Amino acid sequence: MSMLRTFEDQRAKNHSAGLLPPTLNGQRWYVVHTLPMKEDWAQFHLENQYFPTFVPRRPRTVRHARKTKTIAAPFFPRYLFVGLDLSADPWRKVSGTFGVSRLVMRGDQPQPVPKGVVETLIALTDSRGFLKLGDKLKVGSSVRLMAGPFSDQLAILDHLDDTGRVSVLLEILGREVRVNTTVGNLLPVP
């Protein structure tokens, strides 16, 4: 049995047994930078320390030796989210966890993710754990760009087609500018 399968089985047992607490009122989401291709390993070890985690995933087709299969790949390779209450949790243990490179910091404190971003990602996750960003997008609604030169900017969705291409309107220097991107680069703003 592979090491990854063992981690996934143990994570499922922990969830079903109620051993992993939900994010509580005093907790915020923080970003963990993992070792290359060790997101599952880091998540497993963080959850074994009772830290709530979230790894957004997307389907990815893998081809090897003339065989094709679809796997659940991380949406943000080498990153995952962890719920922490800095006043109560032993958050310094996160950086020493197997599979973790470091906790993303601002000075000597972990840098919190803006409120609502991770919660929105969790709400957009289907039953298989995949992000479904395009399902909640509507022309005229507010969106946040998640990639590219305008990353983290708010925009208005102007056009959406069946191929996954979108146009958004950004306000730059007092005027609206149309930017083309893909559905996967947008996050609906609640």
N, C-alpha and C. Protein backbone atom coordinates (compact mmCIF):
# COMPACT_ATOMS: atom_id res chain seq x y z
N MET A 1 0.86 -1.19 0.00
CA MET A 1 0.00 0.00 0.00
C MET A 1 0.90 1.24 0.00
N SER A 2 0.56 2.19 -0.82
CA SER A 2 1.40 3.38 -0.91
C SER A 2 1.26 4.25 0.33
N MET A 3 2.30 5.07 0.56
CA MET A 3 2.30 5.98 1.70
C MET A 3 1.17 6.99 1.58
N LEU A 4 0.91 7.48 0.35
CA LEU A 4 -0.16 8.45 0.12
C LEU A 4 -1.52 7.85 0.46
N ARG A 5 -1.77 6.60 0.05
CA ARG A 5 -3.04 5.95 0.34
C ARG A 5 -3.21 5.83 1.85
N THR A 6 -2.16 5.51 2.59
CA THR A 6 -2.22 5.42 4.04
C THR A 6 -2.59 6.76 4.64
N PHE A 7 -1.99 7.85 4.15
CA PHE A 7 -2.32 9.20 4.65
C PHE A 7 -3.79 9.51 4.41
N GLU A 8 -4.29 9.21 3.18
CA GLU A 8 -5.68 9.51 2.85
C GLU A 8 -6.64 8.70 3.71
N ASP A 9 -6.33 7.44 3.97
CA ASP A 9 -7.17 6.60 4.81
C ASP A 9 -7.21 7.14 6.23
N GLN A 10 -6.05 7.53 6.77
CA GLN A 10 -6.00 8.04 8.13
C GLN A 10 -6.74 9.37 8.24
N ARG A 11 -6.62 10.24 7.22
CA ARG A 11 -7.32 11.52 7.23
C ARG A 11 -8.83 11.28 7.24
N ALA A 12 -9.30 10.32 6.45
CA ALA A 12 -10.74 10.01 6.42
C ALA A 12 -11.21 9.50 7.78
N LYS A 13 -10.41 8.66 8.44
CA LYS A 13 -10.78 8.16 9.77
C LYS A 13 -10.85 9.29 10.78
N ASN A 14 -9.88 10.21 10.74
CA ASN A 14 -9.88 11.35 11.66
C ASN A 14 -11.11 12.22 11.45
N HIS A 15 -11.48 12.48 10.19
CA HIS A 15 -12.65 13.30 9.91
C HIS A 15 -13.92 12.61 10.40
N SER A 16 -14.07 11.31 10.10
CA SER A 16 -15.29 10.60 10.48
C SER A 16 -15.39 10.45 12.00
N ALA A 17 -14.27 10.39 12.69
CA ALA A 17 -14.29 10.27 14.15
C ALA A 17 -14.47 11.61 14.84
N GLY A 18 -14.50 12.69 14.07
CA GLY A 18 -14.68 14.02 14.65
C GLY A 18 -13.44 14.52 15.35
N LEU A 19 -12.29 14.00 15.01
CA LEU A 19 -11.06 14.40 15.68
C LEU A 19 -10.50 15.73 15.17
N LEU A 20 -10.96 16.19 14.02
CA LEU A 20 -10.45 17.43 13.47
C LEU A 20 -11.49 18.52 13.71
N PRO A 21 -11.14 19.52 14.53
CA PRO A 21 -12.13 20.55 14.84
C PRO A 21 -12.40 21.44 13.64
N PRO A 22 -13.63 21.96 13.52
CA PRO A 22 -13.88 22.96 12.48
C PRO A 22 -13.18 24.25 12.85
N THR A 23 -13.08 25.15 11.91
CA THR A 23 -12.47 26.43 12.21
C THR A 23 -13.36 27.16 13.20
N LEU A 24 -12.79 27.59 14.32
CA LEU A 24 -13.55 28.23 15.38
C LEU A 24 -13.50 29.74 15.22
N ASN A 25 -14.29 30.44 16.04
CA ASN A 25 -14.40 31.89 15.92
C ASN A 25 -13.07 32.61 16.06
N GLY A 26 -12.20 32.17 16.95
CA GLY A 26 -10.92 32.85 17.16
C GLY A 26 -9.87 32.49 16.12
N GLN A 27 -10.17 31.52 15.27
CA GLN A 27 -9.18 31.09 14.29
C GLN A 27 -9.29 31.89 13.00
N ARG A 28 -8.14 32.03 12.36
CA ARG A 28 -8.06 32.61 11.02
C ARG A 28 -7.32 31.61 10.16
N TRP A 29 -7.45 31.76 8.86
CA TRP A 29 -6.73 30.90 7.93
C TRP A 29 -5.39 31.52 7.61
N TYR A 30 -4.35 30.67 7.55
CA TYR A 30 -2.99 31.08 7.23
C TYR A 30 -2.47 30.17 6.12
N VAL A 31 -1.43 30.62 5.45
CA VAL A 31 -0.87 29.88 4.32
C VAL A 31 0.38 29.12 4.77
N VAL A 32 0.44 27.86 4.37
CA VAL A 32 1.60 27.01 4.63
C VAL A 32 2.26 26.71 3.29
N HIS A 33 3.57 26.95 3.22
CA HIS A 33 4.37 26.60 2.03
C HIS A 33 4.93 25.21 2.29
N THR A 34 4.65 24.27 1.40
CA THR A 34 5.07 22.88 1.62
C THR A 34 6.31 22.55 0.81
N LEU A 35 6.87 21.41 1.09
CA LEU A 35 7.95 20.88 0.27
C LEU A 35 7.37 20.47 -1.08
N PRO A 36 8.20 20.36 -2.13
CA PRO A 36 7.66 20.01 -3.45
C PRO A 36 6.89 18.69 -3.44
N MET A 37 5.65 18.76 -3.94
CA MET A 37 4.76 17.59 -4.07
C MET A 37 4.47 16.91 -2.74
N LYS A 38 4.49 17.64 -1.63
CA LYS A 38 4.23 17.06 -0.31
C LYS A 38 3.01 17.69 0.36
N GLU A 39 2.07 18.23 -0.44
CA GLU A 39 0.88 18.85 0.14
C GLU A 39 0.08 17.84 0.97
N ASP A 40 -0.12 16.62 0.45
CA ASP A 40 -0.89 15.60 1.17
C ASP A 40 -0.17 15.17 2.44
N TRP A 41 1.12 15.04 2.35
CA TRP A 41 1.92 14.63 3.51
C TRP A 41 1.84 15.70 4.61
N ALA A 42 2.01 16.96 4.23
CA ALA A 42 1.92 18.06 5.20
C ALA A 42 0.52 18.13 5.80
N GLN A 43 -0.51 17.98 4.96
CA GLN A 43 -1.88 18.03 5.46
C GLN A 43 -2.13 16.91 6.47
N PHE A 44 -1.68 15.72 6.15
CA PHE A 44 -1.85 14.59 7.05
C PHE A 44 -1.21 14.87 8.42
N HIS A 45 0.02 15.34 8.43
CA HIS A 45 0.72 15.56 9.70
C HIS A 45 0.16 16.75 10.47
N LEU A 46 -0.31 17.79 9.77
CA LEU A 46 -0.95 18.92 10.46
C LEU A 46 -2.26 18.49 11.09
N GLU A 47 -3.05 17.70 10.37
CA GLU A 47 -4.32 17.23 10.92
C GLU A 47 -4.11 16.27 12.08
N ASN A 48 -3.03 15.51 12.08
CA ASN A 48 -2.72 14.65 13.22
C ASN A 48 -2.36 15.46 14.46
N GLN A 49 -1.99 16.73 14.27
CA GLN A 49 -1.75 17.64 15.40
C GLN A 49 -3.00 18.46 15.71
N TYR A 50 -4.13 18.09 15.08
CA TYR A 50 -5.44 18.71 15.27
C TYR A 50 -5.53 20.15 14.76
N PHE A 51 -4.74 20.48 13.75
CA PHE A 51 -4.88 21.75 13.05
C PHE A 51 -5.82 21.54 11.88
N PRO A 52 -6.90 22.33 11.76
CA PRO A 52 -7.75 22.19 10.57
C PRO A 52 -7.01 22.67 9.33
N THR A 53 -7.15 21.96 8.24
CA THR A 53 -6.45 22.31 7.00
C THR A 53 -7.42 22.30 5.84
N PHE A 54 -7.01 22.95 4.76
CA PHE A 54 -7.78 22.92 3.52
C PHE A 54 -6.81 23.01 2.36
N VAL A 55 -6.92 22.05 1.44
CA VAL A 55 -6.13 22.05 0.21
C VAL A 55 -7.11 22.08 -0.95
N PRO A 56 -7.28 23.24 -1.60
CA PRO A 56 -8.16 23.27 -2.77
C PRO A 56 -7.56 22.41 -3.88
N ARG A 57 -8.42 21.67 -4.58
CA ARG A 57 -7.94 20.74 -5.61
C ARG A 57 -8.66 20.97 -6.94
N ARG A 58 -8.03 20.48 -7.99
CA ARG A 58 -8.60 20.52 -9.33
C ARG A 58 -8.30 19.19 -10.00
N PRO A 59 -9.15 18.78 -10.94
CA PRO A 59 -8.84 17.54 -11.65
C PRO A 59 -7.69 17.77 -12.63
N ARG A 60 -6.77 16.83 -12.70
CA ARG A 60 -5.64 16.93 -13.62
C ARG A 60 -5.45 15.57 -14.28
N THR A 61 -5.29 15.59 -15.58
CA THR A 61 -5.07 14.36 -16.33
C THR A 61 -3.58 14.05 -16.36
N VAL A 62 -3.24 12.83 -15.98
CA VAL A 62 -1.85 12.38 -15.96
C VAL A 62 -1.70 11.25 -16.97
N ARG A 63 -0.68 11.37 -17.81
CA ARG A 63 -0.40 10.33 -18.81
C ARG A 63 0.95 9.71 -18.48
N HIS A 64 0.92 8.37 -18.44
CA HIS A 64 2.16 7.64 -18.18
C HIS A 64 2.04 6.26 -18.82
N ALA A 65 3.04 5.92 -19.61
CA ALA A 65 3.11 4.60 -20.24
C ALA A 65 1.82 4.26 -20.98
N ARG A 66 1.37 5.19 -21.79
CA ARG A 66 0.17 5.03 -22.61
C ARG A 66 -1.10 4.84 -21.80
N LYS A 67 -1.07 5.18 -20.54
CA LYS A 67 -2.26 5.11 -19.70
C LYS A 67 -2.59 6.53 -19.24
N THR A 68 -3.88 6.80 -19.15
CA THR A 68 -4.35 8.10 -18.74
C THR A 68 -5.24 7.94 -17.52
N LYS A 69 -5.04 8.82 -16.52
CA LYS A 69 -5.94 8.83 -15.36
C LYS A 69 -6.08 10.26 -14.88
N THR A 70 -7.17 10.52 -14.20
CA THR A 70 -7.43 11.84 -13.64
C THR A 70 -7.16 11.78 -12.14
N ILE A 71 -6.38 12.73 -11.66
CA ILE A 71 -6.05 12.79 -10.24
C ILE A 71 -6.53 14.11 -9.66
N ALA A 72 -6.57 14.19 -8.35
CA ALA A 72 -6.91 15.42 -7.65
C ALA A 72 -5.61 16.16 -7.35
N ALA A 73 -5.29 17.14 -8.17
CA ALA A 73 -4.05 17.90 -8.01
C ALA A 73 -4.34 19.18 -7.21
N PRO A 74 -3.38 19.64 -6.43
CA PRO A 74 -3.58 20.89 -5.69
C PRO A 74 -3.82 22.06 -6.65
N PHE A 75 -4.77 22.91 -6.31
CA PHE A 75 -5.06 24.10 -7.11
C PHE A 75 -3.90 25.09 -7.01
N PHE A 76 -3.29 25.17 -5.81
CA PHE A 76 -2.12 26.00 -5.57
C PHE A 76 -0.96 25.08 -5.20
N PRO A 77 -0.18 24.60 -6.19
CA PRO A 77 0.91 23.67 -5.87
C PRO A 77 1.86 24.25 -4.82
N ARG A 78 2.24 23.40 -3.87
CA ARG A 78 3.15 23.70 -2.77
C ARG A 78 2.54 24.59 -1.69
N TYR A 79 1.21 24.77 -1.70
CA TYR A 79 0.56 25.59 -0.68
C TYR A 79 -0.68 24.89 -0.15
N LEU A 80 -0.97 25.13 1.13
CA LEU A 80 -2.22 24.71 1.74
C LEU A 80 -2.59 25.74 2.79
N PHE A 81 -3.82 25.66 3.29
CA PHE A 81 -4.30 26.59 4.29
C PHE A 81 -4.45 25.85 5.62
N VAL A 82 -4.12 26.54 6.71
CA VAL A 82 -4.26 25.96 8.04
C VAL A 82 -4.99 26.98 8.92
N GLY A 83 -5.92 26.46 9.74
CA GLY A 83 -6.66 27.31 10.67
C GLY A 83 -5.94 27.40 11.99
N LEU A 84 -5.67 28.63 12.43
CA LEU A 84 -4.93 28.84 13.68
C LEU A 84 -5.54 29.97 14.49
N ASP A 85 -5.49 29.83 15.80
CA ASP A 85 -5.77 30.92 16.72
C ASP A 85 -4.43 31.24 17.35
N LEU A 86 -3.81 32.33 16.92
CA LEU A 86 -2.44 32.63 17.34
C LEU A 86 -2.31 32.81 18.85
N SER A 87 -3.38 33.20 19.53
CA SER A 87 -3.30 33.39 20.98
C SER A 87 -3.42 32.08 21.76
N ALA A 88 -3.96 31.03 21.12
CA ALA A 88 -4.19 29.78 21.85
C ALA A 88 -3.44 28.58 21.27
N ASP A 89 -3.23 28.55 19.95
CA ASP A 89 -2.60 27.39 19.32
C ASP A 89 -1.08 27.50 19.34
N PRO A 90 -0.41 26.35 19.44
CA PRO A 90 1.06 26.34 19.35
C PRO A 90 1.49 26.45 17.88
N TRP A 91 1.29 27.63 17.28
CA TRP A 91 1.45 27.80 15.84
C TRP A 91 2.89 27.62 15.36
N ARG A 92 3.88 27.74 16.23
CA ARG A 92 5.27 27.56 15.80
C ARG A 92 5.57 26.10 15.43
N LYS A 93 4.71 25.17 15.88
CA LYS A 93 4.88 23.76 15.52
C LYS A 93 4.62 23.52 14.04
N VAL A 94 3.86 24.41 13.40
CA VAL A 94 3.50 24.20 11.99
C VAL A 94 4.74 24.14 11.12
N SER A 95 5.69 25.05 11.31
CA SER A 95 6.89 25.08 10.47
C SER A 95 7.79 23.87 10.67
N GLY A 96 7.64 23.18 11.79
CA GLY A 96 8.45 21.99 12.07
C GLY A 96 7.76 20.69 11.68
N THR A 97 6.62 20.79 11.04
CA THR A 97 5.84 19.60 10.68
C THR A 97 6.40 18.96 9.42
N PHE A 98 6.38 17.61 9.37
CA PHE A 98 6.83 16.89 8.17
C PHE A 98 6.06 17.38 6.95
N GLY A 99 6.77 17.64 5.87
CA GLY A 99 6.16 18.08 4.63
C GLY A 99 6.02 19.58 4.50
N VAL A 100 6.22 20.31 5.59
CA VAL A 100 6.08 21.78 5.59
C VAL A 100 7.44 22.42 5.39
N SER A 101 7.50 23.36 4.48
CA SER A 101 8.71 24.17 4.31
C SER A 101 8.71 25.31 5.32
N ARG A 102 7.58 26.04 5.36
CA ARG A 102 7.47 27.15 6.31
C ARG A 102 6.04 27.66 6.34
N LEU A 103 5.72 28.36 7.38
CA LEU A 103 4.48 29.10 7.49
C LEU A 103 4.75 30.48 6.90
N VAL A 104 3.88 30.97 6.03
CA VAL A 104 4.09 32.28 5.41
C VAL A 104 3.94 33.35 6.48
N MET A 105 4.97 34.17 6.65
CA MET A 105 5.05 35.12 7.76
C MET A 105 5.04 36.56 7.27
N ARG A 106 4.67 37.44 8.16
CA ARG A 106 4.83 38.88 7.99
C ARG A 106 5.56 39.34 9.25
N GLY A 107 6.83 39.59 9.09
CA GLY A 107 7.65 39.90 10.26
C GLY A 107 7.81 38.66 11.11
N ASP A 108 7.45 38.76 12.40
CA ASP A 108 7.58 37.60 13.29
C ASP A 108 6.24 36.91 13.56
N GLN A 109 5.19 37.29 12.84
CA GLN A 109 3.87 36.69 13.00
C GLN A 109 3.41 36.09 11.66
N PRO A 110 2.62 35.01 11.70
CA PRO A 110 2.07 34.48 10.46
C PRO A 110 1.14 35.50 9.79
N GLN A 111 1.15 35.52 8.46
CA GLN A 111 0.33 36.44 7.67
C GLN A 111 -1.04 35.80 7.44
N PRO A 112 -2.14 36.38 7.97
CA PRO A 112 -3.46 35.77 7.74
C PRO A 112 -3.94 36.00 6.31
N VAL A 113 -4.73 35.06 5.82
CA VAL A 113 -5.38 35.20 4.53
C VAL A 113 -6.53 36.19 4.72
N PRO A 114 -6.80 37.08 3.77
CA PRO A 114 -7.94 37.99 3.94
C PRO A 114 -9.22 37.22 4.23
N LYS A 115 -10.02 37.76 5.15
CA LYS A 115 -11.25 37.09 5.56
C LYS A 115 -12.16 36.86 4.35
N GLY A 116 -12.73 35.68 4.30
CA GLY A 116 -13.67 35.34 3.26
C GLY A 116 -13.08 34.59 2.08
N VAL A 117 -11.77 34.67 1.86
CA VAL A 117 -11.17 34.03 0.70
C VAL A 117 -11.22 32.51 0.83
N VAL A 118 -10.72 31.96 1.93
CA VAL A 118 -10.71 30.51 2.10
C VAL A 118 -12.13 29.99 2.30
N GLU A 119 -12.96 30.74 3.01
CA GLU A 119 -14.34 30.34 3.21
C GLU A 119 -15.07 30.23 1.86
N THR A 120 -14.79 31.16 0.95
CA THR A 120 -15.39 31.11 -0.38
C THR A 120 -14.88 29.89 -1.15
N LEU A 121 -13.58 29.62 -1.05
CA LEU A 121 -13.02 28.44 -1.72
C LEU A 121 -13.66 27.16 -1.20
N ILE A 122 -13.86 27.08 0.11
CA ILE A 122 -14.49 25.89 0.70
C ILE A 122 -15.93 25.76 0.20
N ALA A 123 -16.65 26.87 0.11
CA ALA A 123 -18.04 26.84 -0.36
C ALA A 123 -18.13 26.43 -1.83
N LEU A 124 -17.07 26.67 -2.60
CA LEU A 124 -17.07 26.35 -4.02
C LEU A 124 -16.53 24.95 -4.31
N THR A 125 -16.28 24.16 -3.28
CA THR A 125 -15.74 22.81 -3.44
C THR A 125 -16.89 21.82 -3.56
N ASP A 126 -16.80 20.93 -4.55
CA ASP A 126 -17.85 19.93 -4.74
C ASP A 126 -17.61 18.73 -3.83
N SER A 127 -18.46 17.72 -3.93
CA SER A 127 -18.38 16.55 -3.06
C SER A 127 -17.10 15.74 -3.24
N ARG A 128 -16.46 15.87 -4.41
CA ARG A 128 -15.20 15.16 -4.65
C ARG A 128 -13.99 15.95 -4.18
N GLY A 129 -14.21 17.17 -3.70
CA GLY A 129 -13.11 18.00 -3.21
C GLY A 129 -12.53 18.92 -4.27
N PHE A 130 -13.14 18.99 -5.47
CA PHE A 130 -12.65 19.85 -6.54
C PHE A 130 -13.30 21.22 -6.47
N LEU A 131 -12.50 22.25 -6.77
CA LEU A 131 -13.05 23.61 -6.86
C LEU A 131 -13.87 23.74 -8.12
N LYS A 132 -15.03 24.33 -8.01
CA LYS A 132 -15.90 24.60 -9.15
C LYS A 132 -16.11 26.11 -9.21
N LEU A 133 -15.12 26.82 -9.70
CA LEU A 133 -15.16 28.28 -9.71
C LEU A 133 -16.15 28.82 -10.73
N GLY A 134 -16.27 28.19 -11.88
CA GLY A 134 -17.12 28.71 -12.94
C GLY A 134 -18.60 28.58 -12.66
N ASP A 135 -19.00 27.68 -11.77
CA ASP A 135 -20.41 27.45 -11.50
C ASP A 135 -21.08 28.64 -10.83
N LYS A 136 -20.36 29.43 -10.08
CA LYS A 136 -20.95 30.54 -9.33
C LYS A 136 -20.76 31.89 -10.00
N LEU A 137 -20.15 31.92 -11.16
CA LEU A 137 -19.88 33.19 -11.84
C LEU A 137 -21.09 33.63 -12.65
N LYS A 138 -21.41 34.92 -12.53
CA LYS A 138 -22.50 35.51 -13.30
C LYS A 138 -22.01 36.83 -13.87
N VAL A 139 -22.38 37.11 -15.12
CA VAL A 139 -22.01 38.37 -15.75
C VAL A 139 -22.57 39.52 -14.92
N GLY A 140 -21.72 40.51 -14.64
CA GLY A 140 -22.10 41.66 -13.84
C GLY A 140 -21.74 41.54 -12.38
N SER A 141 -21.30 40.35 -11.94
CA SER A 141 -20.96 40.16 -10.53
C SER A 141 -19.50 40.51 -10.27
N SER A 142 -19.20 40.76 -9.01
CA SER A 142 -17.83 41.08 -8.61
C SER A 142 -17.01 39.81 -8.49
N VAL A 143 -15.77 39.88 -8.95
CA VAL A 143 -14.83 38.76 -8.88
C VAL A 143 -13.48 39.27 -8.43
N ARG A 144 -12.67 38.35 -7.89
CA ARG A 144 -11.29 38.66 -7.52
C ARG A 144 -10.39 37.88 -8.46
N LEU A 145 -9.43 38.55 -9.08
CA LEU A 145 -8.45 37.87 -9.93
C LEU A 145 -7.46 37.14 -9.03
N MET A 146 -7.21 35.87 -9.33
CA MET A 146 -6.35 35.05 -8.49
C MET A 146 -4.98 34.78 -9.10
N ALA A 147 -4.76 35.19 -10.34
CA ALA A 147 -3.47 34.93 -11.00
C ALA A 147 -3.21 36.02 -12.02
N GLY A 148 -1.96 36.11 -12.43
CA GLY A 148 -1.60 37.07 -13.47
C GLY A 148 -1.13 38.39 -12.90
N PRO A 149 -0.90 39.37 -13.76
CA PRO A 149 -0.35 40.65 -13.31
C PRO A 149 -1.32 41.45 -12.44
N PHE A 150 -2.62 41.15 -12.51
CA PHE A 150 -3.61 41.88 -11.72
C PHE A 150 -4.11 41.03 -10.55
N SER A 151 -3.30 40.09 -10.11
CA SER A 151 -3.67 39.19 -9.03
C SER A 151 -4.13 39.97 -7.80
N ASP A 152 -5.20 39.48 -7.18
CA ASP A 152 -5.79 40.02 -5.96
C ASP A 152 -6.57 41.32 -6.19
N GLN A 153 -6.80 41.70 -7.44
CA GLN A 153 -7.60 42.89 -7.75
C GLN A 153 -9.07 42.50 -7.91
N LEU A 154 -9.95 43.41 -7.51
CA LEU A 154 -11.38 43.21 -7.71
C LEU A 154 -11.77 43.71 -9.09
N ALA A 155 -12.72 43.01 -9.72
CA ALA A 155 -13.16 43.37 -11.06
C ALA A 155 -14.63 43.00 -11.20
N ILE A 156 -15.22 43.41 -12.32
CA ILE A 156 -16.59 43.06 -12.67
C ILE A 156 -16.54 42.10 -13.86
N LEU A 157 -17.24 40.97 -13.75
CA LEU A 157 -17.28 40.00 -14.83
C LEU A 157 -18.12 40.57 -15.98
N ASP A 158 -17.49 40.71 -17.14
CA ASP A 158 -18.15 41.33 -18.29
C ASP A 158 -18.64 40.30 -19.30
N HIS A 159 -17.88 39.24 -19.53
CA HIS A 159 -18.25 38.25 -20.54
C HIS A 159 -17.74 36.88 -20.10
N LEU A 160 -18.56 35.85 -20.33
CA LEU A 160 -18.23 34.48 -19.98
C LEU A 160 -18.70 33.59 -21.12
N ASP A 161 -17.79 32.77 -21.68
CA ASP A 161 -18.22 31.87 -22.76
C ASP A 161 -18.06 30.41 -22.35
N ASP A 162 -18.52 29.52 -23.20
CA ASP A 162 -18.54 28.09 -22.90
C ASP A 162 -17.15 27.45 -22.88
N THR A 163 -16.16 28.10 -23.45
CA THR A 163 -14.81 27.53 -23.50
C THR A 163 -14.00 27.82 -22.25
N GLY A 164 -14.54 28.62 -21.32
CA GLY A 164 -13.81 28.95 -20.11
C GLY A 164 -13.09 30.28 -20.17
N ARG A 165 -13.19 30.98 -21.29
CA ARG A 165 -12.58 32.31 -21.41
C ARG A 165 -13.53 33.35 -20.84
N VAL A 166 -12.99 34.33 -20.15
CA VAL A 166 -13.79 35.40 -19.57
C VAL A 166 -13.14 36.75 -19.84
N SER A 167 -13.96 37.79 -19.78
CA SER A 167 -13.48 39.16 -19.82
C SER A 167 -13.96 39.83 -18.55
N VAL A 168 -13.07 40.57 -17.92
CA VAL A 168 -13.44 41.31 -16.71
C VAL A 168 -13.09 42.78 -16.92
N LEU A 169 -13.78 43.63 -16.18
CA LEU A 169 -13.51 45.06 -16.24
C LEU A 169 -12.82 45.47 -14.95
N LEU A 170 -11.61 46.01 -15.09
CA LEU A 170 -10.83 46.52 -13.97
C LEU A 170 -10.84 48.04 -14.02
N GLU A 171 -10.84 48.66 -12.86
CA GLU A 171 -10.70 50.12 -12.84
C GLU A 171 -9.23 50.43 -12.61
N ILE A 172 -8.62 51.03 -13.64
CA ILE A 172 -7.20 51.38 -13.58
C ILE A 172 -7.07 52.85 -13.96
N LEU A 173 -6.48 53.62 -13.08
CA LEU A 173 -6.26 55.06 -13.30
C LEU A 173 -7.54 55.78 -13.70
N GLY A 174 -8.64 55.45 -13.03
CA GLY A 174 -9.89 56.16 -13.22
C GLY A 174 -10.71 55.74 -14.43
N ARG A 175 -10.31 54.68 -15.13
CA ARG A 175 -11.12 54.23 -16.26
C ARG A 175 -11.20 52.70 -16.25
N GLU A 176 -12.25 52.18 -16.92
CA GLU A 176 -12.42 50.74 -16.98
C GLU A 176 -11.59 50.15 -18.11
N VAL A 177 -10.87 49.08 -17.77
CA VAL A 177 -10.02 48.40 -18.75
C VAL A 177 -10.48 46.94 -18.81
N ARG A 178 -10.67 46.43 -20.02
CA ARG A 178 -11.08 45.04 -20.22
C ARG A 178 -9.84 44.15 -20.20
N VAL A 179 -9.90 43.07 -19.42
CA VAL A 179 -8.81 42.10 -19.32
C VAL A 179 -9.40 40.72 -19.61
N ASN A 180 -8.74 39.96 -20.47
CA ASN A 180 -9.16 38.60 -20.79
C ASN A 180 -8.37 37.60 -19.96
N THR A 181 -9.04 36.57 -19.47
CA THR A 181 -8.39 35.54 -18.67
C THR A 181 -9.24 34.27 -18.77
N THR A 182 -8.99 33.31 -17.88
CA THR A 182 -9.77 32.07 -17.86
C THR A 182 -10.58 31.98 -16.57
N VAL A 183 -11.60 31.15 -16.60
CA VAL A 183 -12.48 30.97 -15.44
C VAL A 183 -11.67 30.56 -14.20
N GLY A 184 -10.65 29.73 -14.38
CA GLY A 184 -9.85 29.24 -13.26
C GLY A 184 -9.08 30.32 -12.53
N ASN A 185 -8.94 31.49 -13.12
CA ASN A 185 -8.21 32.59 -12.49
C ASN A 185 -9.11 33.52 -11.69
N LEU A 186 -10.41 33.22 -11.62
CA LEU A 186 -11.35 34.10 -10.95
C LEU A 186 -11.93 33.44 -9.72
N LEU A 187 -12.19 34.26 -8.71
CA LEU A 187 -12.86 33.82 -7.50
C LEU A 187 -14.06 34.72 -7.29
N PRO A 188 -15.27 34.16 -7.22
CA PRO A 188 -16.45 35.00 -6.98
C PRO A 188 -16.34 35.69 -5.63
N VAL A 189 -16.77 36.94 -5.57
CA VAL A 189 -16.76 37.70 -4.32
C VAL A 189 -18.17 37.67 -3.76
N PRO A 190 -18.34 37.18 -2.51
CA PRO A 190 -19.70 37.09 -1.95
C PRO A 190 -20.29 38.45 -1.67
